[in-house]
Amino acid sequence: MFGYYLDLALRSLKRNRLLTVLMVLAIAIGIGASMTTLTVMHLLSGDPLPGKSANIFYPQVDASPKGFTKGGPLDVLDYRSAVDLWGAHRADRQALIANSDVKVRAPGTNLPPLMLHMLATTSDFFPMFKVPFEYGSAWTPSDDADRARVAVISSDLNDKLFGGKDSLGKTLRLKDSDVRIVGVLARWRPSPLFYDVRGGRFANGDTGDFYRRSEDVFTPFQSGLEINAGNFWQFTCWHMPDNPGHLKNAPCVWVALWVELDSAAKATDYRTFIASYAEQQKVLGRFTQTETRMMNLMQWLDYNHVLPRDVKLQTWLAFAFLAICLFNTVGLLLAKFLRRAGEIGVRRALGASRRAVFAQCLTEAGLVGFIGGVGGWVLTLVGLWLVRRQQPPYSDLVHMDVSMFFVTFVLAVAVSLLAGALPALRASRIAPALQLKTL
């Protein structure tokens, strides 16, 4: 029976080609606009560590003077607190993080020095965040303790300096120090750069920096601090450091700590641990307040409003436009079905039930939606191409994956069926006797 309804729908669409084109365009344009923004939102708001993010936590304590902060601890830690918490080894995995820019050269090549982002971290960073390797591996915990002069580099940097070949064991000069390459990352593009999110709730909607590429150079935490001393970034300071850039004993927060806790009980114990640490530091006179906070990864991203505000606004506007297209399609379908009142009256008089007429009209609306979905898919690809042309920080992430491809067609057919439900219902209620009198 469906094949019969589909044949009738095709015949009907061919008879009224102009009206068909208008309905298909209404659906295609609405779907194209909404799916472009929905695809961007989908890519930017997904879980960066599926299946693991609930076990990754961001502990916070506050070493700032009383009255300096409002609404809880600062987003990162002072050096001493970070090292104390990390050194207690109370988590299954834990990683310290500090950022800086560093001058990078490859001895033996003719390439000029590069100014790149460097991340000083600890060996647990790589397994904790499921960082993939193309060559080699991360350094070891003993390298952390020994302040070994080793480094892991990104695939992009490996391409630039060594043509993408295996560069394990080669020397890299960071500032004025030589380090040995022990690992080269595979292509890795976290979205967002979740481990370095901070201050987003104060960013006035400008959170595009959270979608920048990951660092090109990774070094053991203490080694990095020695190699690039004086160049690390502070988040905020309550007094100017005596020696700018040298932040170990400065009244500043600039080091992040992430911990992995594989059970709810361990997470509860760790919250108790950082609360006890804050109380202890207050007794020692180093802290003036004892408020602490510990969120898991997704909670921390939500807290920092990671999704750019303009993407949210554009998505709402696009779906409002889709609603307008939906109403236009309702009007066009209603006009189309009512013009066929005589035909429908004859079918009813010959024994067709209201349900059969409703199914036939709804099949025609679904076919319009499917054709509109094809057009919407094409317009979505064009829209994503335009987004990439605008080159926002996340432009290289913008693409249509398989799931969004299917969502495009499901949404198009669903919208058309919704638009066709009222006209089909009206058509199925046409009184056959009244229509036969007018023939």
Protein backbone atom coordinates (compact mmCIF):
# COMPACT_ATOMS: atom_id res chain seq x y z
CA MET A 1 0.00 0.00 0.00
CA PHE A 2 2.86 2.39 0.77
CA GLY A 3 4.19 1.91 -2.77
CA TYR A 4 0.77 2.87 -4.13
CA TYR A 5 0.69 6.02 -1.98
CA LEU A 6 4.23 6.86 -3.06
CA ASP A 7 3.25 6.54 -6.72
CA LEU A 8 0.27 8.85 -6.16
CA ALA A 9 2.52 11.34 -4.37
CA LEU A 10 5.00 11.41 -7.26
CA ARG A 11 2.20 11.98 -9.75
CA SER A 12 0.80 14.79 -7.62
CA LEU A 13 4.17 16.52 -7.25
CA LYS A 14 4.75 16.37 -10.99
CA ARG A 15 1.35 17.93 -11.71
CA ASN A 16 2.08 21.00 -9.57
CA ARG A 17 5.77 21.52 -10.17
CA LEU A 18 5.94 25.19 -9.14
CA LEU A 19 4.20 24.49 -5.85
CA THR A 20 6.44 21.47 -5.34
CA VAL A 21 9.58 23.57 -5.90
CA LEU A 22 8.35 26.18 -3.39
CA MET A 23 7.69 23.53 -0.72
CA VAL A 24 11.02 21.79 -1.29
CA LEU A 25 12.88 25.12 -1.14
CA ALA A 26 11.12 26.09 2.09
CA ILE A 27 12.16 22.79 3.70
CA ALA A 28 15.69 22.82 2.23
CA ILE A 29 16.52 26.38 3.28
CA GLY A 30 15.16 25.86 6.80
CA ILE A 31 17.00 22.56 7.20
CA GLY A 32 20.22 23.99 5.73
CA ALA A 33 20.27 26.95 8.13
CA SER A 34 19.36 24.93 11.22
CA MET A 35 21.66 22.00 10.48
CA THR A 36 24.64 24.27 9.82
CA THR A 37 24.41 25.80 13.28
CA LEU A 38 23.37 22.52 14.92
CA THR A 39 26.39 20.77 13.41
CA VAL A 40 28.72 23.47 14.73
CA MET A 41 27.12 23.23 18.19
CA HIS A 42 27.35 19.43 18.09
CA LEU A 43 31.07 19.57 17.30
CA LEU A 44 31.84 22.18 19.96
CA SER A 45 29.72 20.88 22.81
CA GLY A 46 30.48 17.16 22.76
CA ASP A 47 32.17 15.21 25.53
CA PRO A 48 35.93 15.47 24.86
CA LEU A 49 36.60 12.25 26.79
CA PRO A 50 33.60 9.94 26.22
CA GLY A 51 33.25 7.29 28.88
CA LYS A 52 35.93 8.85 31.05
CA SER A 53 35.02 12.46 31.74
CA ALA A 54 32.98 11.57 34.84
CA ASN A 55 36.20 10.29 36.49
CA ILE A 56 38.36 13.31 35.66
CA PHE A 57 38.25 16.07 38.30
CA TYR A 58 39.56 19.60 38.74
CA PRO A 59 40.35 20.35 42.41
CA GLN A 60 40.55 23.96 43.61
CA VAL A 61 41.74 25.63 46.81
CA ASP A 62 42.25 29.35 47.35
CA ALA A 63 45.52 30.88 48.56
CA SER A 64 44.48 34.48 47.81
CA PRO A 65 43.97 37.01 50.63
CA LYS A 66 40.54 37.47 52.16
CA GLY A 67 38.25 39.59 50.00
CA PHE A 68 40.29 39.15 46.82
CA THR A 69 37.85 36.69 45.30
CA LYS A 70 34.09 36.38 45.28
CA GLY A 71 32.11 33.28 44.47
CA GLY A 72 34.62 30.60 45.35
CA PRO A 73 38.26 29.65 44.75
CA LEU A 74 40.30 30.99 41.86
CA ASP A 75 40.36 28.94 38.68
CA VAL A 76 43.95 27.71 39.08
CA LEU A 77 46.36 27.10 41.94
CA ASP A 78 49.41 28.76 43.34
CA TYR A 79 52.61 26.79 42.84
CA ARG A 80 52.96 25.50 46.40
CA SER A 81 49.37 24.28 46.69
CA ALA A 82 49.53 22.56 43.31
CA VAL A 83 52.78 20.77 44.13
CA ASP A 84 51.56 19.81 47.62
CA LEU A 85 48.37 18.25 46.30
CA TRP A 86 50.18 16.51 43.44
CA GLY A 87 52.93 15.26 45.76
CA ALA A 88 50.41 13.65 48.11
CA HIS A 89 49.61 11.05 45.39
CA ARG A 90 46.02 10.66 46.54
CA ALA A 91 44.59 10.08 43.04
CA ASP A 92 44.80 7.21 40.56
CA ARG A 93 46.41 9.63 38.10
CA GLN A 94 47.25 13.32 38.40
CA ALA A 95 48.75 15.97 36.16
CA LEU A 96 50.16 19.42 36.82
CA ILE A 97 49.86 21.93 33.98
CA ALA A 98 51.54 25.27 33.30
CA ASN A 99 51.75 27.19 30.02
CA SER A 100 54.40 29.34 28.38
CA ASP A 101 55.71 30.42 25.02
CA VAL A 102 59.14 29.11 24.12
CA LYS A 103 61.64 29.55 21.31
CA VAL A 104 62.16 26.24 19.52
CA ARG A 105 64.96 25.21 17.16
CA ALA A 106 66.10 21.94 15.67
CA PRO A 107 69.93 21.77 15.65
CA GLY A 108 71.24 20.54 12.33
CA THR A 109 68.44 22.07 10.26
CA ASN A 110 68.36 25.35 8.39
CA LEU A 111 64.92 26.29 9.69
CA PRO A 112 64.62 29.58 11.62
CA PRO A 113 63.62 29.48 15.31
CA LEU A 114 59.89 29.11 16.02
CA MET A 115 57.95 30.71 18.87
CA LEU A 116 55.52 28.01 20.04
CA HIS A 117 53.29 27.09 22.97
CA MET A 118 54.85 24.75 25.52
CA LEU A 119 53.06 22.79 28.20
CA ALA A 120 54.98 21.82 31.31
CA THR A 121 53.15 18.81 32.74
CA THR A 122 53.66 15.43 34.37
CA SER A 123 53.77 11.95 32.90
CA ASP A 124 50.18 11.04 33.88
CA PHE A 125 48.87 13.73 31.52
CA PHE A 126 49.08 11.44 28.48
CA PRO A 127 47.28 8.30 29.73
CA MET A 128 44.80 10.36 31.75
CA PHE A 129 43.66 12.30 28.70
CA LYS A 130 44.05 9.41 26.22
CA VAL A 131 46.60 11.27 24.13
CA PRO A 132 47.54 9.21 21.04
CA PHE A 133 51.13 8.64 19.92
CA GLU A 134 52.50 8.13 16.44
CA TYR A 135 56.07 7.45 17.57
CA GLY A 136 57.44 6.62 21.00
CA SER A 137 55.58 7.34 24.22
CA ALA A 138 55.41 9.70 27.17
CA TRP A 139 58.27 10.11 29.58
CA THR A 140 58.20 8.11 32.82
CA PRO A 141 57.41 9.17 36.41
CA SER A 142 61.11 8.80 37.16
CA ASP A 143 61.79 11.41 34.45
CA ASP A 144 59.47 13.74 36.35
CA ALA A 145 61.41 13.14 39.56
CA ASP A 146 64.83 13.45 37.87
CA ARG A 147 63.86 16.59 35.93
CA ALA A 148 64.96 14.86 32.77
CA ARG A 149 65.60 16.94 29.66
CA VAL A 150 63.08 15.14 27.44
CA ALA A 151 60.10 16.27 25.39
CA VAL A 152 57.06 15.08 23.49
CA ILE A 153 56.19 17.05 20.35
CA SER A 154 53.05 17.43 18.25
CA SER A 155 52.62 15.85 14.84
CA ASP A 156 52.47 19.35 13.30
CA LEU A 157 55.86 20.26 14.75
CA ASN A 158 57.29 16.92 13.69
CA ASP A 159 56.10 17.64 10.14
CA LYS A 160 57.70 21.09 10.15
CA LEU A 161 61.05 20.10 11.61
CA PHE A 162 61.55 16.51 10.49
CA GLY A 163 59.24 16.04 7.52
CA GLY A 164 56.93 13.76 9.48
CA LYS A 165 59.59 11.05 9.91
CA ASP A 166 60.34 9.20 13.13
CA SER A 167 62.24 11.80 15.18
CA LEU A 168 62.70 9.79 18.38
CA GLY A 169 66.08 10.47 19.97
CA LYS A 170 66.63 13.68 18.03
CA THR A 171 67.55 16.89 19.81
CA LEU A 172 65.30 19.89 20.18
CA ARG A 173 66.55 23.21 21.55
CA LEU A 174 64.07 24.94 23.83
CA LYS A 175 65.22 28.47 24.60
CA ASP A 176 68.85 27.72 25.49
CA SER A 177 68.52 24.09 26.57
CA ASP A 178 68.69 20.87 24.56
CA VAL A 179 66.08 18.17 25.13
CA ARG A 180 65.70 14.71 23.67
CA ILE A 181 62.50 13.78 21.84
CA VAL A 182 60.92 10.67 23.40
CA GLY A 183 57.49 10.83 21.78
CA VAL A 184 55.61 12.27 18.81
CA LEU A 185 51.86 12.65 19.06
CA ALA A 186 49.48 11.36 16.44
CA ARG A 187 46.94 13.82 15.07
CA TRP A 188 45.19 15.07 18.20
CA ARG A 189 42.63 17.86 18.17
CA PRO A 190 40.65 17.97 21.42
CA SER A 191 37.50 20.06 21.17
CA PRO A 192 37.57 22.12 23.31
CA LEU A 193 41.11 22.24 24.70
CA PHE A 194 39.48 20.93 27.85
CA TYR A 195 42.54 20.60 30.08
CA ASP A 196 43.33 24.31 29.75
CA VAL A 197 39.86 25.81 30.33
CA ARG A 198 39.79 28.60 32.87
CA GLY A 199 38.15 31.99 33.33
CA GLY A 200 35.39 31.29 30.82
CA ARG A 201 32.61 32.70 32.99
CA PHE A 202 34.37 36.08 32.94
CA ALA A 203 34.99 36.04 29.17
CA ASN A 204 31.83 37.97 28.10
CA GLY A 205 30.97 35.23 25.63
CA ASP A 206 34.43 35.19 23.99
CA THR A 207 35.49 31.60 24.61
CA GLY A 208 36.97 30.92 21.19
CA ASP A 209 40.44 30.51 22.70
CA PHE A 210 39.25 27.24 24.24
CA TYR A 211 39.16 25.80 20.71
CA ARG A 212 42.75 26.60 19.76
CA ARG A 213 45.12 23.79 18.87
CA SER A 214 47.01 21.91 21.55
CA GLU A 215 50.59 22.80 22.41
CA ASP A 216 53.46 21.78 20.16
CA VAL A 217 55.93 20.93 22.92
CA PHE A 218 55.35 19.01 26.18
CA THR A 219 58.03 18.73 28.85
CA PRO A 220 58.24 17.32 32.38
CA PHE A 221 56.83 19.92 34.75
CA GLN A 222 59.94 20.84 36.73
CA SER A 223 62.18 20.55 33.68
CA GLY A 224 59.95 22.98 31.80
CA LEU A 225 60.01 25.44 34.68
CA GLU A 226 63.82 25.39 34.65
CA ILE A 227 64.21 25.51 30.86
CA ASN A 228 61.79 28.38 30.30
CA ALA A 229 62.06 30.23 33.61
CA GLY A 230 60.58 33.70 33.52
CA ASN A 231 58.15 33.03 30.67
CA PHE A 232 55.23 31.27 32.30
CA TRP A 233 51.76 32.78 32.23
CA GLN A 234 49.99 33.75 35.44
CA PHE A 235 46.21 33.63 35.67
CA THR A 236 46.09 36.39 38.26
CA CYS A 237 48.20 37.85 41.07
CA TRP A 238 47.17 39.67 44.24
CA HIS A 239 50.54 41.44 44.32
CA MET A 240 53.04 42.06 41.57
CA PRO A 241 55.74 39.35 41.57
CA ASP A 242 59.18 40.53 42.67
CA ASN A 243 60.62 38.98 39.53
CA PRO A 244 58.00 39.01 36.72
CA GLY A 245 57.58 35.64 35.05
CA HIS A 246 59.32 33.81 37.91
CA LEU A 247 56.23 32.54 39.71
CA LYS A 248 57.26 29.72 42.03
CA ASN A 249 57.07 31.82 45.19
CA ALA A 250 55.03 34.67 43.73
CA PRO A 251 51.61 35.74 45.08
CA CYS A 252 49.97 34.40 41.93
CA VAL A 253 47.91 31.49 40.71
CA TRP A 254 49.15 29.88 37.50
CA VAL A 255 49.29 26.06 37.85
CA ALA A 256 46.36 23.73 37.13
CA LEU A 257 45.92 20.27 38.63
CA TRP A 258 43.79 17.48 37.16
CA VAL A 259 43.15 14.19 38.93
CA GLU A 260 41.62 10.90 37.86
CA LEU A 261 39.50 9.06 40.44
CA ASP A 262 37.91 5.83 39.26
CA SER A 263 35.09 5.57 41.82
CA ALA A 264 32.60 7.80 43.63
CA ALA A 265 34.13 6.78 46.96
CA LYS A 266 37.58 7.96 45.86
CA ALA A 267 36.09 11.25 44.67
CA THR A 268 34.46 11.75 48.07
CA ASP A 269 37.74 10.95 49.84
CA TYR A 270 39.62 13.41 47.62
CA ARG A 271 37.14 16.19 48.40
CA THR A 272 37.72 15.50 52.09
CA PHE A 273 41.47 15.56 51.48
CA ILE A 274 41.52 19.00 49.80
CA ALA A 275 39.18 20.39 52.49
CA SER A 276 41.57 19.13 55.17
CA TYR A 277 44.51 20.61 53.25
CA ALA A 278 42.81 24.02 53.14
CA GLU A 279 42.09 23.89 56.88
CA GLN A 280 45.68 22.93 57.59
CA GLN A 281 47.03 25.78 55.48
CA LYS A 282 44.77 28.23 57.27
CA VAL A 283 46.09 27.04 60.63
CA LEU A 284 49.62 27.61 59.27
CA GLY A 285 48.64 31.15 58.30
CA ARG A 286 49.11 30.67 54.55
CA PHE A 287 45.40 30.61 53.68
CA THR A 288 42.80 33.09 54.91
CA GLN A 289 39.84 31.05 53.66
CA THR A 290 39.04 27.38 53.43
CA GLU A 291 36.50 27.16 50.62
CA THR A 292 37.30 24.42 48.11
CA ARG A 293 35.69 23.09 44.95
CA MET A 294 36.06 19.95 42.84
CA MET A 295 34.06 19.43 39.63
CA ASN A 296 34.31 16.69 37.08
CA LEU A 297 35.37 17.53 33.55
CA MET A 298 31.94 18.20 32.02
CA GLN A 299 30.83 20.21 35.07
CA TRP A 300 33.96 22.32 34.77
CA LEU A 301 33.34 22.99 31.08
CA ASP A 302 29.73 23.98 31.80
CA TYR A 303 30.83 26.20 34.67
CA ASN A 304 33.14 28.07 32.31
CA HIS A 305 30.49 28.50 29.57
CA VAL A 306 32.80 26.86 27.06
CA LEU A 307 30.33 26.87 24.16
CA PRO A 308 30.71 30.27 22.41
CA ARG A 309 27.66 32.44 23.05
CA ASP A 310 27.33 33.46 19.41
CA VAL A 311 26.95 29.77 18.42
CA LYS A 312 24.04 29.38 20.86
CA LEU A 313 22.37 32.54 19.54
CA GLN A 314 22.83 31.49 15.91
CA THR A 315 21.33 28.08 16.67
CA TRP A 316 18.20 29.60 18.23
CA LEU A 317 17.83 32.00 15.29
CA ALA A 318 18.27 29.17 12.78
CA PHE A 319 15.57 27.05 14.42
CA ALA A 320 13.27 30.08 14.58
CA PHE A 321 13.82 30.41 10.83
CA LEU A 322 13.05 26.69 10.43
CA ALA A 323 9.75 27.26 12.29
CA ILE A 324 8.88 30.05 9.82
CA CYS A 325 9.64 27.68 6.93
CA LEU A 326 7.47 25.06 8.62
CA PHE A 327 4.50 27.42 8.76
CA ASN A 328 5.00 28.37 5.11
CA THR A 329 5.04 24.68 4.18
CA VAL A 330 1.82 24.11 6.15
CA GLY A 331 0.14 26.85 4.12
CA LEU A 332 1.40 25.49 0.81
CA LEU A 333 0.36 21.93 1.60
CA LEU A 334 -3.04 23.07 2.81
CA ALA A 335 -3.60 24.98 -0.43
CA LYS A 336 -2.42 21.99 -2.47
CA PHE A 337 -4.65 19.42 -0.75
CA LEU A 338 -7.74 21.63 -0.74
CA ARG A 339 -7.32 22.24 -4.48
CA ARG A 340 -7.69 18.48 -4.88
CA ALA A 341 -10.94 18.41 -2.92
CA GLY A 342 -12.85 17.04 -5.90
CA GLU A 343 -10.38 14.21 -6.44
CA ILE A 344 -10.43 13.36 -2.77
CA GLY A 345 -14.24 13.46 -2.74
CA VAL A 346 -14.37 10.92 -5.57
CA ARG A 347 -11.96 8.62 -3.72
CA ARG A 348 -14.08 8.85 -0.60
CA ALA A 349 -17.23 8.12 -2.57
CA LEU A 350 -15.58 5.05 -4.09
CA GLY A 351 -14.91 3.67 -0.63
CA ALA A 352 -11.55 5.15 0.49
CA SER A 353 -11.48 5.66 4.25
CA ARG A 354 -10.44 8.85 5.97
CA ARG A 355 -7.37 6.98 7.22
CA ALA A 356 -6.37 6.09 3.64
CA VAL A 357 -6.73 9.69 2.46
CA PHE A 358 -4.76 10.91 5.49
CA ALA A 359 -1.99 8.35 4.80
CA GLN A 360 -1.81 9.33 1.13
CA CYS A 361 -1.48 13.05 1.93
CA LEU A 362 1.06 12.38 4.67
CA THR A 363 3.13 10.23 2.29
CA GLU A 364 3.22 13.13 -0.14
CA ALA A 365 4.37 15.48 2.65
CA GLY A 366 7.08 12.99 3.65
CA LEU A 367 8.32 12.78 0.07
CA VAL A 368 8.55 16.57 -0.06
CA GLY A 369 10.56 16.40 3.17
CA PHE A 370 12.94 13.78 1.82
CA ILE A 371 13.64 15.81 -1.32
CA GLY A 372 13.97 18.90 0.85
CA GLY A 373 16.42 16.96 3.04
CA VAL A 374 18.67 16.33 0.04
CA GLY A 375 18.60 20.05 -0.71
CA GLY A 376 19.10 20.83 2.99
CA TRP A 377 22.13 18.55 3.11
CA VAL A 378 23.69 20.40 0.16
CA LEU A 379 22.93 23.77 1.75
CA THR A 380 24.38 22.54 5.06
CA LEU A 381 27.65 21.65 3.33
CA VAL A 382 27.67 25.12 1.78
CA GLY A 383 26.95 26.67 5.18
CA LEU A 384 29.80 24.76 6.85
CA TRP A 385 32.11 25.83 4.04
CA LEU A 386 31.16 29.46 4.71
CA VAL A 387 31.84 28.98 8.44
CA ARG A 388 35.31 27.67 7.62
CA ARG A 389 35.88 30.65 5.32
CA GLN A 390 35.17 32.99 8.24
CA GLN A 391 38.01 31.25 10.10
CA PRO A 392 36.78 31.24 13.70
CA PRO A 393 39.17 29.53 16.17
CA TYR A 394 37.30 26.27 15.64
CA SER A 395 37.16 26.48 11.81
CA ASP A 396 39.28 23.35 11.30
CA LEU A 397 36.81 21.35 13.41
CA VAL A 398 33.80 22.21 11.26
CA HIS A 399 32.64 19.24 9.20
CA MET A 400 29.58 17.03 8.89
CA ASP A 401 29.98 13.63 10.48
CA VAL A 402 27.85 10.56 9.81
CA SER A 403 25.48 11.14 12.72
CA MET A 404 24.67 14.69 11.59
CA PHE A 405 24.20 13.44 8.01
CA PHE A 406 21.39 11.15 9.18
CA VAL A 407 19.97 13.80 11.51
CA THR A 408 19.60 16.10 8.48
CA PHE A 409 17.24 13.69 6.71
CA VAL A 410 15.39 12.64 9.85
CA LEU A 411 14.77 16.29 10.73
CA ALA A 412 13.67 17.14 7.17
CA VAL A 413 11.16 14.27 7.00
CA ALA A 414 9.95 14.91 10.57
CA VAL A 415 9.41 18.61 9.84
CA SER A 416 7.54 17.86 6.60
CA LEU A 417 5.34 15.25 8.30
CA LEU A 418 4.59 17.73 11.06
CA ALA A 419 3.78 20.37 8.46
CA GLY A 420 1.62 17.93 6.52
CA ALA A 421 -0.35 16.58 9.49
CA LEU A 422 -2.89 19.43 9.66
CA PRO A 423 -3.46 19.73 5.88
CA ALA A 424 -3.76 15.94 5.62
CA LEU A 425 -6.27 15.90 8.45
CA ARG A 426 -8.30 18.64 6.78
CA ALA A 427 -8.21 16.79 3.47
CA SER A 428 -9.34 13.51 5.06
CA ARG A 429 -12.44 15.26 6.45
CA ILE A 430 -13.67 16.51 3.09
CA ALA A 431 -17.31 15.52 2.68
CA PRO A 432 -17.61 13.41 -0.52
CA ALA A 433 -21.26 14.27 -1.15
CA LEU A 434 -20.57 18.01 -1.19
CA GLN A 435 -17.70 17.60 -3.64
CA LEU A 436 -19.66 15.30 -5.96
CA LYS A 437 -22.45 17.90 -6.28
CA THR A 438 -19.92 20.43 -7.63
CA LEU A 439 -18.51 18.09 -10.28
